[in-house]
Amino acid sequence: MFVNFEQRVVAVALKVGQDIPDAALRQALTDSGYSVVTIKRSESTLEEVRLHIKQVTP
């Protein structure tokens, strides 16, 4: 998992062949104290997400 509070991003990586319904993901994040605004699915790795966030953060 990758969290960036400044950009308000939480990225979660799943194991190959695994999936989690949006409702279950939303519930897990809410139970962990996060407020979920939107869920976006991506093929990007956590490292790619980290690099992208780093580039857009001033």
C-alpha atoms as a PDB file:
ATOM      1  CA  MET A   1       0.000   0.000   0.000  1.00  0.00           C
ATOM      2  CA  PHE A   2       1.135   3.546  -0.743  1.00  0.00           C
ATOM      3  CA  VAL A   3      -0.272   6.607   1.066  1.00  0.00           C
ATOM      4  CA  ASN A   4       0.366  10.262   0.263  1.00  0.00           C
ATOM      5  CA  PHE A   5      -1.520  12.618   2.575  1.00  0.00           C
ATOM      6  CA  GLU A   6      -0.586  15.785   0.667  1.00  0.00           C
ATOM      7  CA  GLN A   7      -2.146  14.506  -2.557  1.00  0.00           C
ATOM      8  CA  ARG A   8      -4.859  12.570  -0.696  1.00  0.00           C
ATOM      9  CA  VAL A   9      -3.974   9.295  -2.407  1.00  0.00           C
ATOM     10  CA  VAL A  10      -4.053   5.724  -1.173  1.00  0.00           C
ATOM     11  CA  ALA A  11      -2.856   3.077  -3.644  1.00  0.00           C
ATOM     12  CA  VAL A  12      -3.345  -0.618  -2.984  1.00  0.00           C
ATOM     13  CA  ALA A  13      -1.649  -3.442  -4.893  1.00  0.00           C
ATOM     14  CA  LEU A  14      -3.362  -6.779  -5.269  1.00  0.00           C
ATOM     15  CA  LYS A  15      -1.755 -10.138  -5.843  1.00  0.00           C
ATOM     16  CA  VAL A  16      -1.795 -11.445  -9.403  1.00  0.00           C
ATOM     17  CA  GLY A  17      -5.191 -12.925 -10.193  1.00  0.00           C
ATOM     18  CA  GLN A  18      -6.816 -11.360  -7.130  1.00  0.00           C
ATOM     19  CA  ASP A  19      -9.583  -8.784  -7.080  1.00  0.00           C
ATOM     20  CA  ILE A  20     -11.554  -6.923  -4.429  1.00  0.00           C
ATOM     21  CA  PRO A  21     -14.969  -5.385  -5.010  1.00  0.00           C
ATOM     22  CA  ASP A  22     -15.125  -1.605  -4.672  1.00  0.00           C
ATOM     23  CA  ALA A  23     -17.561  -1.906  -1.751  1.00  0.00           C
ATOM     24  CA  ALA A  24     -15.165  -4.146   0.198  1.00  0.00           C
ATOM     25  CA  LEU A  25     -12.204  -1.865  -0.559  1.00  0.00           C
ATOM     26  CA  ARG A  26     -14.217   1.198   0.463  1.00  0.00           C
ATOM     27  CA  GLN A  27     -15.236  -0.520   3.719  1.00  0.00           C
ATOM     28  CA  ALA A  28     -11.648  -1.574   4.528  1.00  0.00           C
ATOM     29  CA  LEU A  29     -10.342   1.955   3.948  1.00  0.00           C
ATOM     30  CA  THR A  30     -13.204   3.521   5.922  1.00  0.00           C
ATOM     31  CA  ASP A  31     -12.617   1.069   8.781  1.00  0.00           C
ATOM     32  CA  SER A  32      -8.956   2.183   8.741  1.00  0.00           C
ATOM     33  CA  GLY A  33      -9.966   5.819   9.224  1.00  0.00           C
ATOM     34  CA  TYR A  34      -9.780   7.051   5.635  1.00  0.00           C
ATOM     35  CA  SER A  35     -12.531   8.945   3.817  1.00  0.00           C
ATOM     36  CA  VAL A  36     -13.035   7.527   0.332  1.00  0.00           C
ATOM     37  CA  VAL A  37     -14.005  10.013  -2.364  1.00  0.00           C
ATOM     38  CA  THR A  38     -13.411   7.865  -5.429  1.00  0.00           C
ATOM     39  CA  ILE A  39     -11.872   4.553  -6.425  1.00  0.00           C
ATOM     40  CA  LYS A  40      -9.832   4.386  -9.631  1.00  0.00           C
ATOM     41  CA  ARG A  41      -8.431   1.133 -10.940  1.00  0.00           C
ATOM     42  CA  SER A  42      -5.096   1.111 -12.750  1.00  0.00           C
ATOM     43  CA  GLU A  43      -2.568  -1.307 -14.174  1.00  0.00           C
ATOM     44  CA  SER A  44       0.235   0.867 -12.736  1.00  0.00           C
ATOM     45  CA  THR A  45       2.553  -0.595 -10.117  1.00  0.00           C
ATOM     46  CA  LEU A  46       2.883   1.037  -6.704  1.00  0.00           C
ATOM     47  CA  GLU A  47       6.322   2.295  -7.735  1.00  0.00           C
ATOM     48  CA  GLU A  48       4.843   3.931 -10.849  1.00  0.00           C
ATOM     49  CA  VAL A  49       2.169   5.576  -8.694  1.00  0.00           C
ATOM     50  CA  ARG A  50       4.832   6.818  -6.246  1.00  0.00           C
ATOM     51  CA  LEU A  51       6.892   8.306  -9.088  1.00  0.00           C
ATOM     52  CA  HIS A  52       3.861   9.979 -10.640  1.00  0.00           C
ATOM     53  CA  ILE A  53       2.776  11.513  -7.310  1.00  0.00           C
ATOM     54  CA  LYS A  54       6.341  12.678  -6.685  1.00  0.00           C
ATOM     55  CA  GLN A  55       6.384  14.434 -10.084  1.00  0.00           C
ATOM     56  CA  VAL A  56       3.089  16.278  -9.522  1.00  0.00           C
ATOM     57  CA  THR A  57       3.821  17.291  -5.913  1.00  0.00           C
ATOM     58  CA  PRO A  58       5.368  20.773  -5.761  1.00  0.00           C
END
